[in-house]
Amino acid sequence: GTGARTGELDLGFARLQCRLVDGIDVGADVMIAVRPTDISIGPRTNGAGSGISGTVQMAAFVGSAIEYRVRIDAHDRQLRIQAPYGVDGAWYPEDSEVSVAISGLSCAVIPVGE
């Protein structure tokens, strides 16, 4: 077997359920990767939600998608997101307040270092 298990990652600004491989210990430095199709971006709502609140720092068209850099509110972190350019033409320019959602168990956990 591959030794994969499910675990919760505490990112400081969100908690994600991810598949972990053996050899990643509690407290280890890791990087996560998520397929673009498993990330959605939308307008921030005032109600409590499960999304990660942030502000668009950069938005650029790249082919049929838009690449965003989103600064996570109250944290010195930035997410890089590629989202399809919607049929409705929706996109979020710089300084837009947005909510980012990541589908459960869609992230790959990569050990950092050694």
C-alpha atoms as a PDB file:
ATOM      1  CA  GLY A   1       0.000   0.000   0.000  1.00  0.00           C
ATOM      2  CA  THR A   2       0.983   3.635  -0.320  1.00  0.00           C
ATOM      3  CA  GLY A   3       0.542   4.432   3.352  1.00  0.00           C
ATOM      4  CA  ALA A   4      -1.855   7.298   2.639  1.00  0.00           C
ATOM      5  CA  ARG A   5      -4.048   8.573   5.453  1.00  0.00           C
ATOM      6  CA  THR A   6      -6.370  11.502   6.037  1.00  0.00           C
ATOM      7  CA  GLY A   7      -5.313  14.350   8.274  1.00  0.00           C
ATOM      8  CA  GLU A   8      -6.142  17.939   9.078  1.00  0.00           C
ATOM      9  CA  LEU A   9      -3.761  20.728   8.138  1.00  0.00           C
ATOM     10  CA  ASP A  10      -3.907  23.918  10.188  1.00  0.00           C
ATOM     11  CA  LEU A  11      -2.836  26.722   7.873  1.00  0.00           C
ATOM     12  CA  GLY A  12      -3.358  29.424  10.478  1.00  0.00           C
ATOM     13  CA  PHE A  13      -6.116  30.995   8.387  1.00  0.00           C
ATOM     14  CA  ALA A  14      -8.006  27.780   7.549  1.00  0.00           C
ATOM     15  CA  ARG A  15      -8.108  24.077   8.310  1.00  0.00           C
ATOM     16  CA  LEU A  16      -8.081  21.598   5.433  1.00  0.00           C
ATOM     17  CA  GLN A  17      -8.721  17.871   5.384  1.00  0.00           C
ATOM     18  CA  CYS A  18      -6.041  16.353   3.157  1.00  0.00           C
ATOM     19  CA  ARG A  19      -4.599  13.034   2.159  1.00  0.00           C
ATOM     20  CA  LEU A  20      -1.229  12.558   3.827  1.00  0.00           C
ATOM     21  CA  VAL A  21       1.471  10.029   3.026  1.00  0.00           C
ATOM     22  CA  ASP A  22       3.535   8.239   5.640  1.00  0.00           C
ATOM     23  CA  GLY A  23       6.607  10.146   6.708  1.00  0.00           C
ATOM     24  CA  ILE A  24       4.842  13.478   7.297  1.00  0.00           C
ATOM     25  CA  ASP A  25       4.842  14.103  11.030  1.00  0.00           C
ATOM     26  CA  VAL A  26       2.683  16.432  13.103  1.00  0.00           C
ATOM     27  CA  GLY A  27       4.243  19.903  13.038  1.00  0.00           C
ATOM     28  CA  ALA A  28       6.302  19.228   9.889  1.00  0.00           C
ATOM     29  CA  ASP A  29       6.782  21.995   7.329  1.00  0.00           C
ATOM     30  CA  VAL A  30       4.763  21.172   4.232  1.00  0.00           C
ATOM     31  CA  MET A  31       3.588  22.755   1.025  1.00  0.00           C
ATOM     32  CA  ILE A  32       0.151  21.981  -0.372  1.00  0.00           C
ATOM     33  CA  ALA A  33      -0.925  21.770  -3.985  1.00  0.00           C
ATOM     34  CA  VAL A  34      -4.535  21.832  -5.124  1.00  0.00           C
ATOM     35  CA  ARG A  35      -5.839  21.255  -8.646  1.00  0.00           C
ATOM     36  CA  PRO A  36      -7.280  24.451 -10.121  1.00  0.00           C
ATOM     37  CA  THR A  37     -10.629  22.701 -10.653  1.00  0.00           C
ATOM     38  CA  ASP A  38     -10.873  22.108  -6.878  1.00  0.00           C
ATOM     39  CA  ILE A  39     -10.615  25.816  -5.992  1.00  0.00           C
ATOM     40  CA  SER A  40     -13.413  28.308  -6.445  1.00  0.00           C
ATOM     41  CA  ILE A  41     -13.385  32.049  -6.009  1.00  0.00           C
ATOM     42  CA  GLY A  42     -16.412  34.241  -5.507  1.00  0.00           C
ATOM     43  CA  PRO A  43     -17.578  37.499  -3.965  1.00  0.00           C
ATOM     44  CA  ARG A  44     -17.204  37.798  -0.218  1.00  0.00           C
ATOM     45  CA  THR A  45     -20.460  37.695   1.688  1.00  0.00           C
ATOM     46  CA  ASN A  46     -21.095  39.316   5.051  1.00  0.00           C
ATOM     47  CA  GLY A  47     -22.494  36.112   6.554  1.00  0.00           C
ATOM     48  CA  ALA A  48     -20.396  33.368   8.104  1.00  0.00           C
ATOM     49  CA  GLY A  49     -19.147  30.991   5.459  1.00  0.00           C
ATOM     50  CA  SER A  50     -16.702  28.199   4.981  1.00  0.00           C
ATOM     51  CA  GLY A  51     -14.561  30.128   2.492  1.00  0.00           C
ATOM     52  CA  ILE A  52     -11.219  31.810   3.110  1.00  0.00           C
ATOM     53  CA  SER A  53     -11.588  35.617   3.028  1.00  0.00           C
ATOM     54  CA  GLY A  54      -9.043  37.577   1.049  1.00  0.00           C
ATOM     55  CA  THR A  55      -8.348  40.503  -1.249  1.00  0.00           C
ATOM     56  CA  VAL A  56      -7.297  40.210  -4.883  1.00  0.00           C
ATOM     57  CA  GLN A  57      -3.771  41.598  -5.294  1.00  0.00           C
ATOM     58  CA  MET A  58      -3.408  40.675  -8.981  1.00  0.00           C
ATOM     59  CA  ALA A  59      -5.691  39.380 -11.719  1.00  0.00           C
ATOM     60  CA  ALA A  60      -4.387  38.458 -15.177  1.00  0.00           C
ATOM     61  CA  PHE A  61      -5.954  36.668 -18.127  1.00  0.00           C
ATOM     62  CA  VAL A  62      -3.963  33.556 -19.124  1.00  0.00           C
ATOM     63  CA  GLY A  63      -5.649  31.898 -22.084  1.00  0.00           C
ATOM     64  CA  SER A  64      -9.130  30.729 -21.118  1.00  0.00           C
ATOM     65  CA  ALA A  65      -8.460  31.263 -17.398  1.00  0.00           C
ATOM     66  CA  ILE A  66      -7.722  34.083 -14.986  1.00  0.00           C
ATOM     67  CA  GLU A  67      -4.790  33.860 -12.597  1.00  0.00           C
ATOM     68  CA  TYR A  68      -5.358  35.533  -9.255  1.00  0.00           C
ATOM     69  CA  ARG A  69      -3.047  36.347  -6.377  1.00  0.00           C
ATOM     70  CA  VAL A  70      -5.211  36.641  -3.275  1.00  0.00           C
ATOM     71  CA  ARG A  71      -3.876  38.023   0.017  1.00  0.00           C
ATOM     72  CA  ILE A  72      -5.440  36.264   2.965  1.00  0.00           C
ATOM     73  CA  ASP A  73      -6.992  38.767   5.354  1.00  0.00           C
ATOM     74  CA  ALA A  74      -5.054  39.336   8.601  1.00  0.00           C
ATOM     75  CA  HIS A  75      -2.194  37.024   7.494  1.00  0.00           C
ATOM     76  CA  ASP A  76       1.006  37.500   5.558  1.00  0.00           C
ATOM     77  CA  ARG A  77       0.014  34.754   3.119  1.00  0.00           C
ATOM     78  CA  GLN A  78      -0.941  34.737  -0.515  1.00  0.00           C
ATOM     79  CA  LEU A  79      -2.793  32.148  -2.577  1.00  0.00           C
ATOM     80  CA  ARG A  80      -2.199  31.693  -6.298  1.00  0.00           C
ATOM     81  CA  ILE A  81      -5.401  30.634  -8.009  1.00  0.00           C
ATOM     82  CA  GLN A  82      -6.242  29.856 -11.629  1.00  0.00           C
ATOM     83  CA  ALA A  83      -9.954  30.016 -12.305  1.00  0.00           C
ATOM     84  CA  PRO A  84     -11.794  29.477 -15.586  1.00  0.00           C
ATOM     85  CA  TYR A  85     -13.142  32.615 -17.175  1.00  0.00           C
ATOM     86  CA  GLY A  86     -16.860  32.112 -16.559  1.00  0.00           C
ATOM     87  CA  VAL A  87     -19.458  32.058 -19.300  1.00  0.00           C
ATOM     88  CA  ASP A  88     -21.154  34.872 -17.439  1.00  0.00           C
ATOM     89  CA  GLY A  89     -17.954  36.925 -17.746  1.00  0.00           C
ATOM     90  CA  ALA A  90     -17.478  37.149 -13.967  1.00  0.00           C
ATOM     91  CA  TRP A  91     -14.005  38.050 -12.765  1.00  0.00           C
ATOM     92  CA  TYR A  92     -12.569  39.943  -9.814  1.00  0.00           C
ATOM     93  CA  PRO A  93     -10.229  42.895 -10.420  1.00  0.00           C
ATOM     94  CA  GLU A  94      -7.484  44.028  -8.034  1.00  0.00           C
ATOM     95  CA  ASP A  95      -8.700  45.112  -4.574  1.00  0.00           C
ATOM     96  CA  SER A  96     -11.867  42.966  -4.832  1.00  0.00           C
ATOM     97  CA  GLU A  97     -12.876  41.326  -1.560  1.00  0.00           C
ATOM     98  CA  VAL A  98     -13.366  37.626  -2.283  1.00  0.00           C
ATOM     99  CA  SER A  99     -13.970  34.256  -0.685  1.00  0.00           C
ATOM    100  CA  VAL A 100     -11.894  31.244  -1.741  1.00  0.00           C
ATOM    101  CA  ALA A 101     -13.190  27.696  -1.250  1.00  0.00           C
ATOM    102  CA  ILE A 102     -11.118  24.515  -1.534  1.00  0.00           C
ATOM    103  CA  SER A 103     -12.864  21.185  -2.096  1.00  0.00           C
ATOM    104  CA  GLY A 104     -12.343  18.702   0.704  1.00  0.00           C
ATOM    105  CA  LEU A 105      -9.600  16.084   0.383  1.00  0.00           C
ATOM    106  CA  SER A 106      -8.387  17.626  -2.863  1.00  0.00           C
ATOM    107  CA  CYS A 107      -4.962  18.767  -1.708  1.00  0.00           C
ATOM    108  CA  ALA A 108      -1.636  17.015  -2.100  1.00  0.00           C
ATOM    109  CA  VAL A 109       0.752  17.444   0.818  1.00  0.00           C
ATOM    110  CA  ILE A 110       4.416  17.822  -0.082  1.00  0.00           C
ATOM    111  CA  PRO A 111       7.159  17.687   2.568  1.00  0.00           C
ATOM    112  CA  VAL A 112       9.432  20.754   2.592  1.00  0.00           C
ATOM    113  CA  GLY A 113      13.160  20.519   3.257  1.00  0.00           C
ATOM    114  CA  GLU A 114      15.498  17.579   3.247  1.00  0.00           C
END
